[in-house]
Amino acid sequence: MCYTFYQKGITPMTLTISEKGWVVIPAELRKKYALVPGSEVTLVDYGGVLAIIPAMKNPVKQAAGMLKGGASLTKALLEEHRKERERGR
């Protein structure tokens, strides 16, 4: 499994869990992901793979544009609402 990490240029890091269950995130990664004391992260179990994911400060704003490429569902919804208002008049 580590072989595929190295092929993709990802260097696996070995961390030690303390008696209290704490894990220290290396400084290099804390800086890269702007993790400071008090930052929230999410721990996800992907069926045998644990992932630590930085929590988004503003999920709506940060997710905007993630699904670019297709027709705007928001524009379509607003257009449909406009048509409904016109029919009701």
PDB file of N, CA and C in Angstrom:
ATOM      1  N   MET A   1       0.825  -1.196   0.000  1.00  0.00           N
ATOM      2  CA  MET A   1       0.000   0.000   0.000  1.00  0.00           C
ATOM      3  C   MET A   1       0.865   1.254   0.000  1.00  0.00           C
ATOM      4  N   CYS A   2       1.934   1.274   0.751  1.00  0.00           N
ATOM      5  CA  CYS A   2       2.808   2.449   0.784  1.00  0.00           C
ATOM      6  C   CYS A   2       3.441   2.703  -0.571  1.00  0.00           C
ATOM      7  N   TYR A   3       3.632   1.640  -1.352  1.00  0.00           N
ATOM      8  CA  TYR A   3       4.222   1.787  -2.679  1.00  0.00           C
ATOM      9  C   TYR A   3       3.413   2.752  -3.528  1.00  0.00           C
ATOM     10  N   THR A   4       2.083   2.646  -3.470  1.00  0.00           N
ATOM     11  CA  THR A   4       1.247   3.545  -4.257  1.00  0.00           C
ATOM     12  C   THR A   4       1.360   4.976  -3.761  1.00  0.00           C
ATOM     13  N   PHE A   5       1.546   5.155  -2.448  1.00  0.00           N
ATOM     14  CA  PHE A   5       1.752   6.501  -1.924  1.00  0.00           C
ATOM     15  C   PHE A   5       3.006   7.111  -2.525  1.00  0.00           C
ATOM     16  N   TYR A   6       4.094   6.340  -2.525  1.00  0.00           N
ATOM     17  CA  TYR A   6       5.352   6.858  -3.043  1.00  0.00           C
ATOM     18  C   TYR A   6       5.255   7.151  -4.537  1.00  0.00           C
ATOM     19  N   GLN A   7       4.507   6.324  -5.280  1.00  0.00           N
ATOM     20  CA  GLN A   7       4.338   6.567  -6.706  1.00  0.00           C
ATOM     21  C   GLN A   7       3.659   7.904  -6.950  1.00  0.00           C
ATOM     22  N   LYS A   8       2.734   8.276  -6.096  1.00  0.00           N
ATOM     23  CA  LYS A   8       1.978   9.505  -6.278  1.00  0.00           C
ATOM     24  C   LYS A   8       2.678  10.700  -5.639  1.00  0.00           C
ATOM     25  N   GLY A   9       3.868  10.500  -5.088  1.00  0.00           N
ATOM     26  CA  GLY A   9       4.603  11.601  -4.480  1.00  0.00           C
ATOM     27  C   GLY A   9       4.125  11.958  -3.088  1.00  0.00           C
ATOM     28  N   ILE A  10       3.391  11.060  -2.446  1.00  0.00           N
ATOM     29  CA  ILE A  10       2.894  11.300  -1.092  1.00  0.00           C
ATOM     30  C   ILE A  10       3.795  10.556  -0.123  1.00  0.00           C
ATOM     31  N   THR A  11       4.314  11.265   0.852  1.00  0.00           N
ATOM     32  CA  THR A  11       5.173  10.635   1.843  1.00  0.00           C
ATOM     33  C   THR A  11       4.353  10.290   3.072  1.00  0.00           C
ATOM     34  N   PRO A  12       4.174   8.983   3.359  1.00  0.00           N
ATOM     35  CA  PRO A  12       3.424   8.618   4.556  1.00  0.00           C
ATOM     36  C   PRO A  12       4.194   9.015   5.810  1.00  0.00           C
ATOM     37  N   MET A  13       3.484   9.388   6.842  1.00  0.00           N
ATOM     38  CA  MET A  13       4.094   9.766   8.117  1.00  0.00           C
ATOM     39  C   MET A  13       3.587   8.820   9.191  1.00  0.00           C
ATOM     40  N   THR A  14       4.485   8.354  10.027  1.00  0.00           N
ATOM     41  CA  THR A  14       4.092   7.491  11.124  1.00  0.00           C
ATOM     42  C   THR A  14       3.936   8.343  12.371  1.00  0.00           C
ATOM     43  N   LEU A  15       2.767   8.259  12.987  1.00  0.00           N
ATOM     44  CA  LEU A  15       2.476   9.016  14.197  1.00  0.00           C
ATOM     45  C   LEU A  15       2.255   8.031  15.335  1.00  0.00           C
ATOM     46  N   THR A  16       2.506   8.480  16.556  1.00  0.00           N
ATOM     47  CA  THR A  16       2.291   7.643  17.727  1.00  0.00           C
ATOM     48  C   THR A  16       1.109   8.180  18.513  1.00  0.00           C
ATOM     49  N   ILE A  17       0.227   7.288  18.914  1.00  0.00           N
ATOM     50  CA  ILE A  17      -0.936   7.672  19.704  1.00  0.00           C
ATOM     51  C   ILE A  17      -0.549   7.623  21.180  1.00  0.00           C
ATOM     52  N   SER A  18      -0.843   8.703  21.909  1.00  0.00           N
ATOM     53  CA  SER A  18      -0.517   8.754  23.336  1.00  0.00           C
ATOM     54  C   SER A  18      -1.487   7.889  24.126  1.00  0.00           C
ATOM     55  N   GLU A  19      -1.204   7.729  25.416  1.00  0.00           N
ATOM     56  CA  GLU A  19      -2.099   6.959  26.276  1.00  0.00           C
ATOM     57  C   GLU A  19      -3.494   7.567  26.322  1.00  0.00           C
ATOM     58  N   LYS A  20      -3.602   8.881  26.134  1.00  0.00           N
ATOM     59  CA  LYS A  20      -4.897   9.561  26.135  1.00  0.00           C
ATOM     60  C   LYS A  20      -5.569   9.514  24.765  1.00  0.00           C
ATOM     61  N   GLY A  21      -4.894   8.926  23.778  1.00  0.00           N
ATOM     62  CA  GLY A  21      -5.465   8.847  22.441  1.00  0.00           C
ATOM     63  C   GLY A  21      -5.134  10.046  21.572  1.00  0.00           C
ATOM     64  N   TRP A  22      -4.218  10.870  22.001  1.00  0.00           N
ATOM     65  CA  TRP A  22      -3.841  12.063  21.247  1.00  0.00           C
ATOM     66  C   TRP A  22      -2.845  11.713  20.149  1.00  0.00           C
ATOM     67  N   VAL A  23      -2.918  12.464  19.059  1.00  0.00           N
ATOM     68  CA  VAL A  23      -1.963  12.339  17.964  1.00  0.00           C
ATOM     69  C   VAL A  23      -1.457  13.743  17.657  1.00  0.00           C
ATOM     70  N   VAL A  24      -0.165  13.875  17.492  1.00  0.00           N
ATOM     71  CA  VAL A  24       0.413  15.185  17.153  1.00  0.00           C
ATOM     72  C   VAL A  24       0.528  15.276  15.635  1.00  0.00           C
ATOM     73  N   ILE A  25      -0.067  16.317  15.069  1.00  0.00           N
ATOM     74  CA  ILE A  25       0.029  16.561  13.629  1.00  0.00           C
ATOM     75  C   ILE A  25       1.346  17.307  13.391  1.00  0.00           C
ATOM     76  N   PRO A  26       2.206  16.777  12.530  1.00  0.00           N
ATOM     77  CA  PRO A  26       3.504  17.417  12.293  1.00  0.00           C
ATOM     78  C   PRO A  26       3.366  18.884  11.883  1.00  0.00           C
ATOM     79  N   ALA A  27       4.336  19.693  12.317  1.00  0.00           N
ATOM     80  CA  ALA A  27       4.316  21.138  12.057  1.00  0.00           C
ATOM     81  C   ALA A  27       4.174  21.458  10.571  1.00  0.00           C
ATOM     82  N   GLU A  28       4.847  20.691   9.724  1.00  0.00           N
ATOM     83  CA  GLU A  28       4.781  20.911   8.270  1.00  0.00           C
ATOM     84  C   GLU A  28       3.333  20.866   7.774  1.00  0.00           C
ATOM     85  N   LEU A  29       2.562  19.898   8.263  1.00  0.00           N
ATOM     86  CA  LEU A  29       1.171  19.781   7.839  1.00  0.00           C
ATOM     87  C   LEU A  29       0.276  20.819   8.512  1.00  0.00           C
ATOM     88  N   ARG A  30       0.576  21.162   9.767  1.00  0.00           N
ATOM     89  CA  ARG A  30      -0.206  22.215  10.430  1.00  0.00           C
ATOM     90  C   ARG A  30      -0.053  23.527   9.681  1.00  0.00           C
ATOM     91  N   LYS A  31       1.155  23.836   9.239  1.00  0.00           N
ATOM     92  CA  LYS A  31       1.376  25.072   8.476  1.00  0.00           C
ATOM     93  C   LYS A  31       0.685  24.998   7.120  1.00  0.00           C
ATOM     94  N   LYS A  32       0.827  23.857   6.442  1.00  0.00           N
ATOM     95  CA  LYS A  32       0.248  23.693   5.101  1.00  0.00           C
ATOM     96  C   LYS A  32      -1.265  23.880   5.115  1.00  0.00           C
ATOM     97  N   TYR A  33      -1.924  23.378   6.157  1.00  0.00           N
ATOM     98  CA  TYR A  33      -3.380  23.441   6.227  1.00  0.00           C
ATOM     99  C   TYR A  33      -3.889  24.499   7.200  1.00  0.00           C
ATOM    100  N   ALA A  34      -3.007  25.390   7.634  1.00  0.00           N
ATOM    101  CA  ALA A  34      -3.369  26.506   8.528  1.00  0.00           C
ATOM    102  C   ALA A  34      -4.095  26.015   9.778  1.00  0.00           C
ATOM    103  N   LEU A  35      -3.591  24.951  10.375  1.00  0.00           N
ATOM    104  CA  LEU A  35      -4.167  24.420  11.611  1.00  0.00           C
ATOM    105  C   LEU A  35      -3.470  25.069  12.792  1.00  0.00           C
ATOM    106  N   VAL A  36      -4.231  25.757  13.589  1.00  0.00           N
ATOM    107  CA  VAL A  36      -3.701  26.437  14.776  1.00  0.00           C
ATOM    108  C   VAL A  36      -4.440  25.882  15.990  1.00  0.00           C
ATOM    109  N   PRO A  37      -3.924  26.115  17.191  1.00  0.00           N
ATOM    110  CA  PRO A  37      -4.644  25.642  18.373  1.00  0.00           C
ATOM    111  C   PRO A  37      -6.096  26.108  18.341  1.00  0.00           C
ATOM    112  N   GLY A  38      -7.000  25.185  18.550  1.00  0.00           N
ATOM    113  CA  GLY A  38      -8.427  25.488  18.502  1.00  0.00           C
ATOM    114  C   GLY A  38      -9.075  25.173  17.162  1.00  0.00           C
ATOM    115  N   SER A  39      -8.268  24.892  16.120  1.00  0.00           N
ATOM    116  CA  SER A  39      -8.829  24.527  14.818  1.00  0.00           C
ATOM    117  C   SER A  39      -9.611  23.226  14.953  1.00  0.00           C
ATOM    118  N   GLU A  40     -10.680  23.114  14.197  1.00  0.00           N
ATOM    119  CA  GLU A  40     -11.465  21.893  14.219  1.00  0.00           C
ATOM    120  C   GLU A  40     -11.111  21.037  13.007  1.00  0.00           C
ATOM    121  N   VAL A  41     -11.054  19.724  13.247  1.00  0.00           N
ATOM    122  CA  VAL A  41     -10.828  18.766  12.176  1.00  0.00           C
ATOM    123  C   VAL A  41     -11.887  17.679  12.288  1.00  0.00           C
ATOM    124  N   THR A  42     -12.093  16.962  11.209  1.00  0.00           N
ATOM    125  CA  THR A  42     -13.032  15.848  11.193  1.00  0.00           C
ATOM    126  C   THR A  42     -12.236  14.574  10.961  1.00  0.00           C
ATOM    127  N   LEU A  43     -12.522  13.540  11.732  1.00  0.00           N
ATOM    128  CA  LEU A  43     -11.880  12.246  11.566  1.00  0.00           C
ATOM    129  C   LEU A  43     -12.868  11.340  10.843  1.00  0.00           C
ATOM    130  N   VAL A  44     -12.471  10.840   9.662  1.00  0.00           N
ATOM    131  CA  VAL A  44     -13.362  10.031   8.839  1.00  0.00           C
ATOM    132  C   VAL A  44     -12.768   8.635   8.675  1.00  0.00           C
ATOM    133  N   ASP A  45     -13.611   7.607   8.852  1.00  0.00           N
ATOM    134  CA  ASP A  45     -13.213   6.219   8.646  1.00  0.00           C
ATOM    135  C   ASP A  45     -13.680   5.788   7.266  1.00  0.00           C
ATOM    136  N   TYR A  46     -12.742   5.628   6.345  1.00  0.00           N
ATOM    137  CA  TYR A  46     -13.062   5.196   4.982  1.00  0.00           C
ATOM    138  C   TYR A  46     -12.857   3.689   4.860  1.00  0.00           C
ATOM    139  N   GLY A  47     -13.446   2.930   5.769  1.00  0.00           N
ATOM    140  CA  GLY A  47     -13.339   1.478   5.704  1.00  0.00           C
ATOM    141  C   GLY A  47     -11.909   0.990   5.803  1.00  0.00           C
ATOM    142  N   GLY A  48     -11.243   1.312   6.869  1.00  0.00           N
ATOM    143  CA  GLY A  48      -9.867   0.861   7.079  1.00  0.00           C
ATOM    144  C   GLY A  48      -8.835   1.961   6.905  1.00  0.00           C
ATOM    145  N   VAL A  49      -9.231   3.089   6.384  1.00  0.00           N
ATOM    146  CA  VAL A  49      -8.333   4.235   6.222  1.00  0.00           C
ATOM    147  C   VAL A  49      -8.903   5.384   7.032  1.00  0.00           C
ATOM    148  N   LEU A  50      -8.117   5.901   7.976  1.00  0.00           N
ATOM    149  CA  LEU A  50      -8.555   7.052   8.756  1.00  0.00           C
ATOM    150  C   LEU A  50      -8.024   8.316   8.093  1.00  0.00           C
ATOM    151  N   ALA A  51      -8.882   9.295   7.938  1.00  0.00           N
ATOM    152  CA  ALA A  51      -8.491  10.567   7.330  1.00  0.00           C
ATOM    153  C   ALA A  51      -8.815  11.695   8.291  1.00  0.00           C
ATOM    154  N   ILE A  52      -7.868  12.614   8.462  1.00  0.00           N
ATOM    155  CA  ILE A  52      -8.090  13.821   9.258  1.00  0.00           C
ATOM    156  C   ILE A  52      -8.330  14.941   8.259  1.00  0.00           C
ATOM    157  N   ILE A  53      -9.523  15.517   8.315  1.00  0.00           N
ATOM    158  CA  ILE A  53      -9.909  16.535   7.343  1.00  0.00           C
ATOM    159  C   ILE A  53     -10.139  17.860   8.061  1.00  0.00           C
ATOM    160  N   PRO A  54      -9.420  18.924   7.658  1.00  0.00           N
ATOM    161  CA  PRO A  54      -9.662  20.224   8.284  1.00  0.00           C
ATOM    162  C   PRO A  54     -11.108  20.661   8.073  1.00  0.00           C
ATOM    163  N   ALA A  55     -11.755  21.114   9.133  1.00  0.00           N
ATOM    164  CA  ALA A  55     -13.131  21.591   9.033  1.00  0.00           C
ATOM    165  C   ALA A  55     -13.136  22.923   8.291  1.00  0.00           C
ATOM    166  N   MET A  56     -14.171  23.140   7.484  1.00  0.00           N
ATOM    167  CA  MET A  56     -14.279  24.400   6.750  1.00  0.00           C
ATOM    168  C   MET A  56     -14.827  25.477   7.676  1.00  0.00           C
ATOM    169  N   LYS A  57     -14.243  26.669   7.603  1.00  0.00           N
ATOM    170  CA  LYS A  57     -14.719  27.775   8.434  1.00  0.00           C
ATOM    171  C   LYS A  57     -16.057  28.291   7.928  1.00  0.00           C
ATOM    172  N   ASN A  58     -16.223  28.316   6.613  1.00  0.00           N
ATOM    173  CA  ASN A  58     -17.467  28.767   6.002  1.00  0.00           C
ATOM    174  C   ASN A  58     -17.808  27.795   4.876  1.00  0.00           C
ATOM    175  N   PRO A  59     -18.434  26.644   5.210  1.00  0.00           N
ATOM    176  CA  PRO A  59     -18.654  25.595   4.216  1.00  0.00           C
ATOM    177  C   PRO A  59     -19.409  26.047   2.969  1.00  0.00           C
ATOM    178  N   VAL A  60     -20.396  26.905   3.126  1.00  0.00           N
ATOM    179  CA  VAL A  60     -21.183  27.338   1.968  1.00  0.00           C
ATOM    180  C   VAL A  60     -20.304  28.131   1.006  1.00  0.00           C
ATOM    181  N   LYS A  61     -19.558  29.082   1.535  1.00  0.00           N
ATOM    182  CA  LYS A  61     -18.708  29.912   0.692  1.00  0.00           C
ATOM    183  C   LYS A  61     -17.572  29.097   0.075  1.00  0.00           C
ATOM    184  N   GLN A  62     -16.958  28.214   0.874  1.00  0.00           N
ATOM    185  CA  GLN A  62     -15.835  27.434   0.380  1.00  0.00           C
ATOM    186  C   GLN A  62     -16.273  26.371  -0.629  1.00  0.00           C
ATOM    187  N   ALA A  63     -17.497  25.914  -0.549  1.00  0.00           N
ATOM    188  CA  ALA A  63     -17.982  24.898  -1.481  1.00  0.00           C
ATOM    189  C   ALA A  63     -18.483  25.518  -2.786  1.00  0.00           C
ATOM    190  N   ALA A  64     -18.677  26.821  -2.799  1.00  0.00           N
ATOM    191  CA  ALA A  64     -19.185  27.485  -3.999  1.00  0.00           C
ATOM    192  C   ALA A  64     -18.246  27.234  -5.177  1.00  0.00           C
ATOM    193  N   GLY A  65     -18.822  26.790  -6.278  1.00  0.00           N
ATOM    194  CA  GLY A  65     -18.041  26.567  -7.482  1.00  0.00           C
ATOM    195  C   GLY A  65     -17.454  25.172  -7.603  1.00  0.00           C
ATOM    196  N   MET A  66     -17.673  24.313  -6.618  1.00  0.00           N
ATOM    197  CA  MET A  66     -17.098  22.969  -6.669  1.00  0.00           C
ATOM    198  C   MET A  66     -17.686  22.141  -7.811  1.00  0.00           C
ATOM    199  N   LEU A  67     -18.902  22.426  -8.203  1.00  0.00           N
ATOM    200  CA  LEU A  67     -19.571  21.627  -9.221  1.00  0.00           C
ATOM    201  C   LEU A  67     -19.709  22.396 -10.537  1.00  0.00           C
ATOM    202  N   LYS A  68     -18.731  23.205 -10.855  1.00  0.00           N
ATOM    203  CA  LYS A  68     -18.780  23.990 -12.081  1.00  0.00           C
ATOM    204  C   LYS A  68     -18.790  23.083 -13.298  1.00  0.00           C
ATOM    205  N   GLY A  69     -19.354  23.582 -14.352  1.00  0.00           N
ATOM    206  CA  GLY A  69     -19.300  22.844 -15.603  1.00  0.00           C
ATOM    207  C   GLY A  69     -20.666  22.602 -16.207  1.00  0.00           C
ATOM    208  N   GLY A  70     -21.676  22.488 -15.390  1.00  0.00           N
ATOM    209  CA  GLY A  70     -23.021  22.229 -15.905  1.00  0.00           C
ATOM    210  C   GLY A  70     -23.875  23.469 -15.799  1.00  0.00           C
ATOM    211  N   ALA A  71     -25.130  23.275 -16.125  1.00  0.00           N
ATOM    212  CA  ALA A  71     -26.073  24.386 -16.015  1.00  0.00           C
ATOM    213  C   ALA A  71     -26.261  24.747 -14.542  1.00  0.00           C
ATOM    214  N   SER A  72     -26.500  26.004 -14.281  1.00  0.00           N
ATOM    215  CA  SER A  72     -26.695  26.463 -12.911  1.00  0.00           C
ATOM    216  C   SER A  72     -28.085  26.076 -12.423  1.00  0.00           C
ATOM    217  N   LEU A  73     -28.125  25.228 -11.421  1.00  0.00           N
ATOM    218  CA  LEU A  73     -29.408  24.836 -10.858  1.00  0.00           C
ATOM    219  C   LEU A  73     -30.072  26.009 -10.148  1.00  0.00           C
ATOM    220  N   THR A  74     -29.274  26.893  -9.577  1.00  0.00           N
ATOM    221  CA  THR A  74     -29.819  28.072  -8.908  1.00  0.00           C
ATOM    222  C   THR A  74     -30.532  28.960  -9.923  1.00  0.00           C
ATOM    223  N   LYS A  75     -29.886  29.209 -11.049  1.00  0.00           N
ATOM    224  CA  LYS A  75     -30.513  30.035 -12.086  1.00  0.00           C
ATOM    225  C   LYS A  75     -31.791  29.385 -12.599  1.00  0.00           C
ATOM    226  N   ALA A  76     -31.751  28.063 -12.796  1.00  0.00           N
ATOM    227  CA  ALA A  76     -32.938  27.352 -13.271  1.00  0.00           C
ATOM    228  C   ALA A  76     -34.072  27.459 -12.260  1.00  0.00           C
ATOM    229  N   LEU A  77     -33.758  27.330 -10.978  1.00  0.00           N
ATOM    230  CA  LEU A  77     -34.775  27.426  -9.926  1.00  0.00           C
ATOM    231  C   LEU A  77     -35.372  28.829  -9.877  1.00  0.00           C
ATOM    232  N   LEU A  78     -34.516  29.843  -9.951  1.00  0.00           N
ATOM    233  CA  LEU A  78     -35.009  31.224  -9.938  1.00  0.00           C
ATOM    234  C   LEU A  78     -35.886  31.511 -11.153  1.00  0.00           C
ATOM    235  N   GLU A  79     -35.503  30.980 -12.299  1.00  0.00           N
ATOM    236  CA  GLU A  79     -36.299  31.155 -13.508  1.00  0.00           C
ATOM    237  C   GLU A  79     -37.665  30.474 -13.358  1.00  0.00           C
ATOM    238  N   GLU A  80     -37.674  29.287 -12.785  1.00  0.00           N
ATOM    239  CA  GLU A  80     -38.927  28.562 -12.562  1.00  0.00           C
ATOM    240  C   GLU A  80     -39.829  29.332 -11.600  1.00  0.00           C
ATOM    241  N   HIS A  81     -39.255  29.886 -10.554  1.00  0.00           N
ATOM    242  CA  HIS A  81     -40.040  30.691  -9.602  1.00  0.00           C
ATOM    243  C   HIS A  81     -40.619  31.928 -10.282  1.00  0.00           C
ATOM    244  N   ARG A  82     -39.839  32.560 -11.150  1.00  0.00           N
ATOM    245  CA  ARG A  82     -40.318  33.739 -11.878  1.00  0.00           C
ATOM    246  C   ARG A  82     -41.520  33.358 -12.762  1.00  0.00           C
ATOM    247  N   LYS A  83     -41.410  32.213 -13.445  1.00  0.00           N
ATOM    248  CA  LYS A  83     -42.504  31.762 -14.302  1.00  0.00           C
ATOM    249  C   LYS A  83     -43.759  31.463 -13.489  1.00  0.00           C
ATOM    250  N   GLU A  84     -43.578  30.854 -12.332  1.00  0.00           N
ATOM    251  CA  GLU A  84     -44.724  30.546 -11.453  1.00  0.00           C
ATOM    252  C   GLU A  84     -45.411  31.831 -10.992  1.00  0.00           C
ATOM    253  N   ARG A  85     -44.625  32.838 -10.659  1.00  0.00           N
ATOM    254  CA  ARG A  85     -45.200  34.119 -10.235  1.00  0.00           C
ATOM    255  C   ARG A  85     -46.002  34.735 -11.372  1.00  0.00           C
ATOM    256  N   GLU A  86     -45.469  34.665 -12.597  1.00  0.00           N
ATOM    257  CA  GLU A  86     -46.175  35.227 -13.744  1.00  0.00           C
ATOM    258  C   GLU A  86     -47.492  34.490 -14.001  1.00  0.00           C
ATOM    259  N   ARG A  87     -47.493  33.168 -13.859  1.00  0.00           N
ATOM    260  CA  ARG A  87     -48.704  32.380 -14.064  1.00  0.00           C
ATOM    261  C   ARG A  87     -49.759  32.698 -13.019  1.00  0.00           C
ATOM    262  N   GLY A  88     -49.323  33.031 -11.841  1.00  0.00           N
ATOM    263  CA  GLY A  88     -50.241  33.315 -10.743  1.00  0.00           C
ATOM    264  C   GLY A  88     -50.876  34.690 -10.824  1.00  0.00           C
ATOM    265  N   ARG A  89     -50.389  35.549 -11.675  1.00  0.00           N
ATOM    266  CA  ARG A  89     -50.906  36.927 -11.794  1.00  0.00           C
ATOM    267  C   ARG A  89     -52.053  37.012 -12.702  1.00  0.00           C
TER     268      ARG A  89
END
